[in-house]
PDB file of N, CA and C in Angstrom:
ATOM      1  N   MET A   1     -15.658 -14.972 -26.991  1.00  0.00           N
ATOM      2  CA  MET A   1     -15.514 -15.027 -25.551  1.00  0.00           C
ATOM      3  C   MET A   1     -16.164 -16.285 -24.957  1.00  0.00           C
ATOM      4  N   GLN A   2     -17.007 -16.938 -25.703  1.00  0.00           N
ATOM      5  CA  GLN A   2     -17.671 -18.134 -25.211  1.00  0.00           C
ATOM      6  C   GLN A   2     -16.778 -19.364 -25.286  1.00  0.00           C
ATOM      7  N   ASP A   3     -15.700 -19.264 -26.040  1.00  0.00           N
ATOM      8  CA  ASP A   3     -14.803 -20.401 -26.226  1.00  0.00           C
ATOM      9  C   ASP A   3     -13.946 -20.601 -24.968  1.00  0.00           C
ATOM     10  N   PRO A   4     -14.009 -21.787 -24.339  1.00  0.00           N
ATOM     11  CA  PRO A   4     -13.220 -22.035 -23.129  1.00  0.00           C
ATOM     12  C   PRO A   4     -11.713 -21.935 -23.370  1.00  0.00           C
ATOM     13  N   LYS A   5     -11.266 -22.132 -24.591  1.00  0.00           N
ATOM     14  CA  LYS A   5      -9.836 -22.068 -24.885  1.00  0.00           C
ATOM     15  C   LYS A   5      -9.306 -20.636 -24.830  1.00  0.00           C
ATOM     16  N   SER A   6     -10.197 -19.658 -24.843  1.00  0.00           N
ATOM     17  CA  SER A   6      -9.754 -18.273 -24.801  1.00  0.00           C
ATOM     18  C   SER A   6      -9.341 -17.843 -23.391  1.00  0.00           C
ATOM     19  N   TYR A   7      -9.687 -18.630 -22.349  1.00  0.00           N
ATOM     20  CA  TYR A   7      -9.306 -18.302 -20.975  1.00  0.00           C
ATOM     21  C   TYR A   7      -7.929 -18.876 -20.688  1.00  0.00           C
ATOM     22  N   ARG A   8      -7.164 -18.147 -19.931  1.00  0.00           N
ATOM     23  CA  ARG A   8      -5.802 -18.558 -19.627  1.00  0.00           C
ATOM     24  C   ARG A   8      -5.705 -19.092 -18.205  1.00  0.00           C
ATOM     25  N   LEU A   9      -4.734 -19.948 -17.963  1.00  0.00           N
ATOM     26  CA  LEU A   9      -4.500 -20.492 -16.625  1.00  0.00           C
ATOM     27  C   LEU A   9      -3.707 -19.535 -15.740  1.00  0.00           C
ATOM     28  N   VAL A  10      -3.251 -18.450 -16.289  1.00  0.00           N
ATOM     29  CA  VAL A  10      -2.452 -17.504 -15.524  1.00  0.00           C
ATOM     30  C   VAL A  10      -3.234 -17.010 -14.312  1.00  0.00           C
ATOM     31  N   TYR A  11      -4.491 -16.734 -14.466  1.00  0.00           N
ATOM     32  CA  TYR A  11      -5.292 -16.230 -13.362  1.00  0.00           C
ATOM     33  C   TYR A  11      -5.449 -17.280 -12.273  1.00  0.00           C
ATOM     34  N   VAL A  12      -5.606 -18.523 -12.640  1.00  0.00           N
ATOM     35  CA  VAL A  12      -5.715 -19.591 -11.659  1.00  0.00           C
ATOM     36  C   VAL A  12      -4.389 -19.753 -10.929  1.00  0.00           C
ATOM     37  N   MET A  13      -3.297 -19.645 -11.660  1.00  0.00           N
ATOM     38  CA  MET A  13      -1.990 -19.756 -11.037  1.00  0.00           C
ATOM     39  C   MET A  13      -1.760 -18.612 -10.053  1.00  0.00           C
ATOM     40  N   CYS A  14      -2.194 -17.424 -10.410  1.00  0.00           N
ATOM     41  CA  CYS A  14      -2.009 -16.289  -9.513  1.00  0.00           C
ATOM     42  C   CYS A  14      -2.757 -16.510  -8.197  1.00  0.00           C
ATOM     43  N   VAL A  15      -3.961 -17.007  -8.265  1.00  0.00           N
ATOM     44  CA  VAL A  15      -4.745 -17.247  -7.055  1.00  0.00           C
ATOM     45  C   VAL A  15      -4.091 -18.343  -6.217  1.00  0.00           C
ATOM     46  N   SER A  16      -3.662 -19.416  -6.858  1.00  0.00           N
ATOM     47  CA  SER A  16      -3.041 -20.513  -6.106  1.00  0.00           C
ATOM     48  C   SER A  16      -1.720 -20.073  -5.491  1.00  0.00           C
ATOM     49  N   LEU A  17      -0.959 -19.241  -6.195  1.00  0.00           N
ATOM     50  CA  LEU A  17       0.301 -18.749  -5.636  1.00  0.00           C
ATOM     51  C   LEU A  17       0.061 -17.804  -4.467  1.00  0.00           C
ATOM     52  N   LYS A  18      -1.000 -17.010  -4.538  1.00  0.00           N
ATOM     53  CA  LYS A  18      -1.318 -16.129  -3.421  1.00  0.00           C
ATOM     54  C   LYS A  18      -1.712 -16.934  -2.188  1.00  0.00           C
ATOM     55  N   ILE A  19      -2.450 -17.998  -2.378  1.00  0.00           N
ATOM     56  CA  ILE A  19      -2.836 -18.863  -1.255  1.00  0.00           C
ATOM     57  C   ILE A  19      -1.604 -19.516  -0.657  1.00  0.00           C
ATOM     58  N   LEU A  20      -0.717 -20.015  -1.517  1.00  0.00           N
ATOM     59  CA  LEU A  20       0.522 -20.624  -1.046  1.00  0.00           C
ATOM     60  C   LEU A  20       1.382 -19.607  -0.298  1.00  0.00           C
ATOM     61  N   GLU A  21       1.440 -18.391  -0.810  1.00  0.00           N
ATOM     62  CA  GLU A  21       2.211 -17.330  -0.157  1.00  0.00           C
ATOM     63  C   GLU A  21       1.669 -17.041   1.232  1.00  0.00           C
ATOM     64  N   LYS A  22       0.349 -16.980   1.369  1.00  0.00           N
ATOM     65  CA  LYS A  22      -0.247 -16.717   2.682  1.00  0.00           C
ATOM     66  C   LYS A  22       0.011 -17.858   3.654  1.00  0.00           C
ATOM     67  N   LEU A  23      -0.013 -19.090   3.170  1.00  0.00           N
ATOM     68  CA  LEU A  23       0.281 -20.236   4.033  1.00  0.00           C
ATOM     69  C   LEU A  23       1.724 -20.209   4.517  1.00  0.00           C
ATOM     70  N   ILE A  24       2.648 -19.933   3.609  1.00  0.00           N
ATOM     71  CA  ILE A  24       4.062 -19.865   3.992  1.00  0.00           C
ATOM     72  C   ILE A  24       4.293 -18.710   4.954  1.00  0.00           C
ATOM     73  N   HIS A  25       3.661 -17.573   4.686  1.00  0.00           N
ATOM     74  CA  HIS A  25       3.810 -16.413   5.570  1.00  0.00           C
ATOM     75  C   HIS A  25       3.305 -16.726   6.975  1.00  0.00           C
ATOM     76  N   ALA A  26       2.186 -17.429   7.067  1.00  0.00           N
ATOM     77  CA  ALA A  26       1.627 -17.780   8.379  1.00  0.00           C
ATOM     78  C   ALA A  26       2.564 -18.712   9.153  1.00  0.00           C
ATOM     79  N   LEU A  27       3.301 -19.547   8.450  1.00  0.00           N
ATOM     80  CA  LEU A  27       4.229 -20.457   9.113  1.00  0.00           C
ATOM     81  C   LEU A  27       5.541 -19.777   9.495  1.00  0.00           C
ATOM     82  N   VAL A  28       6.001 -18.863   8.666  1.00  0.00           N
ATOM     83  CA  VAL A  28       7.320 -18.260   8.867  1.00  0.00           C
ATOM     84  C   VAL A  28       7.273 -17.042   9.791  1.00  0.00           C
ATOM     85  N   GLU A  29       6.176 -16.293   9.769  1.00  0.00           N
ATOM     86  CA  GLU A  29       6.097 -15.049  10.545  1.00  0.00           C
ATOM     87  C   GLU A  29       6.381 -15.226  12.034  1.00  0.00           C
ATOM     88  N   PRO A  30       5.811 -16.217  12.725  1.00  0.00           N
ATOM     89  CA  PRO A  30       6.095 -16.346  14.163  1.00  0.00           C
ATOM     90  C   PRO A  30       7.566 -16.634  14.464  1.00  0.00           C
ATOM     91  N   ILE A  31       8.276 -17.199  13.510  1.00  0.00           N
ATOM     92  CA  ILE A  31       9.690 -17.511  13.722  1.00  0.00           C
ATOM     93  C   ILE A  31      10.562 -16.290  13.443  1.00  0.00           C
ATOM     94  N   ILE A  32      10.256 -15.572  12.367  1.00  0.00           N
ATOM     95  CA  ILE A  32      11.092 -14.460  11.923  1.00  0.00           C
ATOM     96  C   ILE A  32      10.813 -13.181  12.704  1.00  0.00           C
ATOM     97  N   ASP A  33       9.569 -12.930  13.067  1.00  0.00           N
ATOM     98  CA  ASP A  33       9.192 -11.656  13.687  1.00  0.00           C
ATOM     99  C   ASP A  33       9.998 -11.323  14.943  1.00  0.00           C
ATOM    100  N   PRO A  34      10.226 -12.247  15.869  1.00  0.00           N
ATOM    101  CA  PRO A  34      11.026 -11.891  17.057  1.00  0.00           C
ATOM    102  C   PRO A  34      12.486 -11.562  16.733  1.00  0.00           C
ATOM    103  N   LEU A  35      12.978 -12.022  15.594  1.00  0.00           N
ATOM    104  CA  LEU A  35      14.373 -11.775  15.229  1.00  0.00           C
ATOM    105  C   LEU A  35      14.593 -10.403  14.602  1.00  0.00           C
ATOM    106  N   LEU A  36      13.538  -9.776  14.116  1.00  0.00           N
ATOM    107  CA  LEU A  36      13.662  -8.478  13.459  1.00  0.00           C
ATOM    108  C   LEU A  36      13.780  -7.363  14.496  1.00  0.00           C
ATOM    109  N   PRO A  37      14.533  -6.307  14.172  1.00  0.00           N
ATOM    110  CA  PRO A  37      14.642  -5.188  15.118  1.00  0.00           C
ATOM    111  C   PRO A  37      13.313  -4.452  15.264  1.00  0.00           C
ATOM    112  N   GLN A  38      13.121  -3.814  16.402  1.00  0.00           N
ATOM    113  CA  GLN A  38      11.882  -3.089  16.676  1.00  0.00           C
ATOM    114  C   GLN A  38      11.674  -1.927  15.714  1.00  0.00           C
ATOM    115  N   GLU A  39      12.762  -1.410  15.154  1.00  0.00           N
ATOM    116  CA  GLU A  39      12.661  -0.265  14.257  1.00  0.00           C
ATOM    117  C   GLU A  39      12.038  -0.631  12.917  1.00  0.00           C
ATOM    118  N   GLN A  40      12.081  -1.896  12.551  1.00  0.00           N
ATOM    119  CA  GLN A  40      11.523  -2.292  11.264  1.00  0.00           C
ATOM    120  C   GLN A  40      10.019  -2.465  11.394  1.00  0.00           C
ATOM    121  N   VAL A  41       9.270  -1.684  10.621  1.00  0.00           N
ATOM    122  CA  VAL A  41       7.819  -1.781  10.679  1.00  0.00           C
ATOM    123  C   VAL A  41       7.220  -2.200   9.341  1.00  0.00           C
ATOM    124  N   GLY A  42       7.979  -2.146   8.287  1.00  0.00           N
ATOM    125  CA  GLY A  42       7.449  -2.481   6.971  1.00  0.00           C
ATOM    126  C   GLY A  42       7.067  -3.940   6.861  1.00  0.00           C
ATOM    127  N   LEU A  43       5.862  -4.196   6.369  1.00  0.00           N
ATOM    128  CA  LEU A  43       5.341  -5.541   6.147  1.00  0.00           C
ATOM    129  C   LEU A  43       5.305  -6.396   7.413  1.00  0.00           C
ATOM    130  N   ARG A  44       5.091  -5.753   8.556  1.00  0.00           N
ATOM    131  CA  ARG A  44       4.957  -6.490   9.809  1.00  0.00           C
ATOM    132  C   ARG A  44       3.563  -6.264  10.373  1.00  0.00           C
ATOM    133  N   HIS A  45       2.994  -7.316  10.913  1.00  0.00           N
ATOM    134  CA  HIS A  45       1.640  -7.268  11.452  1.00  0.00           C
ATOM    135  C   HIS A  45       1.589  -6.359  12.680  1.00  0.00           C
ATOM    136  N   GLY A  46       0.628  -5.453  12.684  1.00  0.00           N
ATOM    137  CA  GLY A  46       0.408  -4.592  13.836  1.00  0.00           C
ATOM    138  C   GLY A  46       1.351  -3.410  13.946  1.00  0.00           C
ATOM    139  N   ARG A  47       2.163  -3.171  12.939  1.00  0.00           N
ATOM    140  CA  ARG A  47       3.092  -2.043  12.971  1.00  0.00           C
ATOM    141  C   ARG A  47       2.811  -1.134  11.794  1.00  0.00           C
ATOM    142  N   LYS A  48       2.849   0.161  12.049  1.00  0.00           N
ATOM    143  CA  LYS A  48       2.524   1.133  11.013  1.00  0.00           C
ATOM    144  C   LYS A  48       3.526   2.270  11.056  1.00  0.00           C
ATOM    145  N   ALA A  49       3.457   3.137  10.055  1.00  0.00           N
ATOM    146  CA  ALA A  49       4.334   4.300   9.996  1.00  0.00           C
ATOM    147  C   ALA A  49       4.085   5.236  11.168  1.00  0.00           C
ATOM    148  N   VAL A  50       2.875   5.235  11.677  1.00  0.00           N
ATOM    149  CA  VAL A  50       2.554   6.075  12.837  1.00  0.00           C
ATOM    150  C   VAL A  50       3.414   5.676  14.028  1.00  0.00           C
ATOM    151  N   ASN A  51       3.682   4.385  14.172  1.00  0.00           N
ATOM    152  CA  ASN A  51       4.542   3.922  15.254  1.00  0.00           C
ATOM    153  C   ASN A  51       5.949   4.500  15.122  1.00  0.00           C
ATOM    154  N   GLN A  52       6.434   4.608  13.886  1.00  0.00           N
ATOM    155  CA  GLN A  52       7.758   5.166  13.657  1.00  0.00           C
ATOM    156  C   GLN A  52       7.788   6.650  14.017  1.00  0.00           C
ATOM    157  N   VAL A  53       6.747   7.377  13.682  1.00  0.00           N
ATOM    158  CA  VAL A  53       6.681   8.798  14.013  1.00  0.00           C
ATOM    159  C   VAL A  53       6.652   8.973  15.531  1.00  0.00           C
ATOM    160  N   PHE A  54       5.875   8.154  16.208  1.00  0.00           N
ATOM    161  CA  PHE A  54       5.805   8.233  17.668  1.00  0.00           C
ATOM    162  C   PHE A  54       7.154   7.908  18.289  1.00  0.00           C
ATOM    163  N   SER A  55       7.834   6.888  17.767  1.00  0.00           N
ATOM    164  CA  SER A  55       9.155   6.515  18.268  1.00  0.00           C
ATOM    165  C   SER A  55      10.162   7.642  18.049  1.00  0.00           C
ATOM    166  N   LEU A  56      10.110   8.290  16.890  1.00  0.00           N
ATOM    167  CA  LEU A  56      10.987   9.423  16.607  1.00  0.00           C
ATOM    168  C   LEU A  56      10.714  10.572  17.572  1.00  0.00           C
ATOM    169  N   MET A  57       9.449  10.844  17.841  1.00  0.00           N
ATOM    170  CA  MET A  57       9.104  11.918  18.768  1.00  0.00           C
ATOM    171  C   MET A  57       9.619  11.608  20.174  1.00  0.00           C
ATOM    172  N   GLN A  58       9.530  10.352  20.586  1.00  0.00           N
ATOM    173  CA  GLN A  58      10.053   9.961  21.893  1.00  0.00           C
ATOM    174  C   GLN A  58      11.564  10.127  21.952  1.00  0.00           C
ATOM    175  N   ASP A  59      12.253   9.743  20.883  1.00  0.00           N
ATOM    176  CA  ASP A  59      13.705   9.900  20.837  1.00  0.00           C
ATOM    177  C   ASP A  59      14.105  11.366  20.918  1.00  0.00           C
ATOM    178  N   ILE A  60      13.399  12.227  20.192  1.00  0.00           N
ATOM    179  CA  ILE A  60      13.697  13.660  20.221  1.00  0.00           C
ATOM    180  C   ILE A  60      13.457  14.222  21.621  1.00  0.00           C
ATOM    181  N   GLU A  61      12.374  13.811  22.255  1.00  0.00           N
ATOM    182  CA  GLU A  61      12.088  14.287  23.613  1.00  0.00           C
ATOM    183  C   GLU A  61      13.172  13.829  24.593  1.00  0.00           C
ATOM    184  N   ASN A  62      13.606  12.585  24.479  1.00  0.00           N
ATOM    185  CA  ASN A  62      14.659  12.080  25.357  1.00  0.00           C
ATOM    186  C   ASN A  62      15.979  12.824  25.133  1.00  0.00           C
ATOM    187  N   ILE A  63      16.270  13.165  23.893  1.00  0.00           N
ATOM    188  CA  ILE A  63      17.492  13.912  23.603  1.00  0.00           C
ATOM    189  C   ILE A  63      17.429  15.298  24.227  1.00  0.00           C
ATOM    190  N   PHE A  64      16.286  15.973  24.101  1.00  0.00           N
ATOM    191  CA  PHE A  64      16.158  17.302  24.696  1.00  0.00           C
ATOM    192  C   PHE A  64      16.240  17.247  26.221  1.00  0.00           C
ATOM    193  N   LEU A  65      15.735  16.185  26.814  1.00  0.00           N
ATOM    194  CA  LEU A  65      15.805  16.056  28.266  1.00  0.00           C
ATOM    195  C   LEU A  65      17.231  15.816  28.739  1.00  0.00           C
ATOM    196  N   SER A  66      18.043  15.160  27.927  1.00  0.00           N
ATOM    197  CA  SER A  66      19.419  14.875  28.322  1.00  0.00           C
ATOM    198  C   SER A  66      20.372  16.015  27.969  1.00  0.00           C
ATOM    199  N   GLN A  67      19.877  17.052  27.303  1.00  0.00           N
ATOM    200  CA  GLN A  67      20.659  18.231  26.928  1.00  0.00           C
ATOM    201  C   GLN A  67      21.763  17.922  25.930  1.00  0.00           C
ATOM    202  N   LYS A  68      21.689  16.795  25.241  1.00  0.00           N
ATOM    203  CA  LYS A  68      22.649  16.463  24.199  1.00  0.00           C
ATOM    204  C   LYS A  68      21.869  16.233  22.925  1.00  0.00           C
ATOM    205  N   ALA A  69      22.288  16.879  21.859  1.00  0.00           N
ATOM    206  CA  ALA A  69      21.527  16.737  20.621  1.00  0.00           C
ATOM    207  C   ALA A  69      22.472  16.802  19.422  1.00  0.00           C
ATOM    208  N   GLY A  70      22.139  16.036  18.412  1.00  0.00           N
ATOM    209  CA  GLY A  70      22.834  16.087  17.137  1.00  0.00           C
ATOM    210  C   GLY A  70      21.797  16.082  16.034  1.00  0.00           C
ATOM    211  N   VAL A  71      22.128  16.678  14.920  1.00  0.00           N
ATOM    212  CA  VAL A  71      21.157  16.787  13.836  1.00  0.00           C
ATOM    213  C   VAL A  71      21.798  16.312  12.541  1.00  0.00           C
ATOM    214  N   VAL A  72      21.038  15.545  11.779  1.00  0.00           N
ATOM    215  CA  VAL A  72      21.473  15.100  10.459  1.00  0.00           C
ATOM    216  C   VAL A  72      20.385  15.495   9.475  1.00  0.00           C
ATOM    217  N   PHE A  73      20.765  16.205   8.427  1.00  0.00           N
ATOM    218  CA  PHE A  73      19.823  16.594   7.389  1.00  0.00           C
ATOM    219  C   PHE A  73      20.073  15.731   6.168  1.00  0.00           C
ATOM    220  N   VAL A  74      19.032  15.152   5.620  1.00  0.00           N
ATOM    221  CA  VAL A  74      19.134  14.296   4.448  1.00  0.00           C
ATOM    222  C   VAL A  74      18.293  14.906   3.339  1.00  0.00           C
ATOM    223  N   ASP A  75      18.911  15.106   2.190  1.00  0.00           N
ATOM    224  CA  ASP A  75      18.209  15.653   1.038  1.00  0.00           C
ATOM    225  C   ASP A  75      17.788  14.489   0.139  1.00  0.00           C
ATOM    226  N   LEU A  76      16.510  14.179   0.117  1.00  0.00           N
ATOM    227  CA  LEU A  76      16.008  13.043  -0.653  1.00  0.00           C
ATOM    228  C   LEU A  76      15.515  13.436  -2.034  1.00  0.00           C
ATOM    229  N   THR A  77      15.665  14.678  -2.407  1.00  0.00           N
ATOM    230  CA  THR A  77      15.146  15.104  -3.718  1.00  0.00           C
ATOM    231  C   THR A  77      15.884  14.417  -4.856  1.00  0.00           C
ATOM    232  N   ALA A  78      17.157  14.092  -4.693  1.00  0.00           N
ATOM    233  CA  ALA A  78      17.914  13.429  -5.755  1.00  0.00           C
ATOM    234  C   ALA A  78      17.628  11.926  -5.792  1.00  0.00           C
ATOM    235  N   ALA A  79      16.958  11.398  -4.774  1.00  0.00           N
ATOM    236  CA  ALA A  79      16.684   9.963  -4.725  1.00  0.00           C
ATOM    237  C   ALA A  79      15.520   9.568  -5.620  1.00  0.00           C
ATOM    238  N   TYR A  80      14.703  10.519  -6.019  1.00  0.00           N
ATOM    239  CA  TYR A  80      13.535  10.225  -6.823  1.00  0.00           C
ATOM    240  C   TYR A  80      13.601  11.004  -8.132  1.00  0.00           C
ATOM    241  N   ASP A  81      13.117  10.379  -9.174  1.00  0.00           N
ATOM    242  CA  ASP A  81      13.056  11.055 -10.464  1.00  0.00           C
ATOM    243  C   ASP A  81      11.915  12.054 -10.460  1.00  0.00           C
ATOM    244  N   ILE A  82      12.241  13.296 -10.740  1.00  0.00           N
ATOM    245  CA  ILE A  82      11.223  14.340 -10.804  1.00  0.00           C
ATOM    246  C   ILE A  82      11.221  14.878 -12.223  1.00  0.00           C
ATOM    247  N   LEU A  83      10.086  14.794 -12.883  1.00  0.00           N
ATOM    248  CA  LEU A  83      10.001  15.253 -14.267  1.00  0.00           C
ATOM    249  C   LEU A  83       9.709  16.719 -14.344  1.00  0.00           C
TER     250      LEU A  83
END
């Protein structure tokens, strides 16, 4: 383990690529963020799944107030492998 040749450059590359990724993200985010729909919260700054739940609750409340409602049931059990 004392031999310097036993260390790989992969770890250095990973750190440098992460820094480069953060720099590119900082430059691109202000341009791309306004173009994305409000419903998209994944990988966006300041948006969380809680916001989606709140938005869904607001939509359901608005539907009940307008006396018009439709329901869609989605079965996601086949979408995931269950052992």
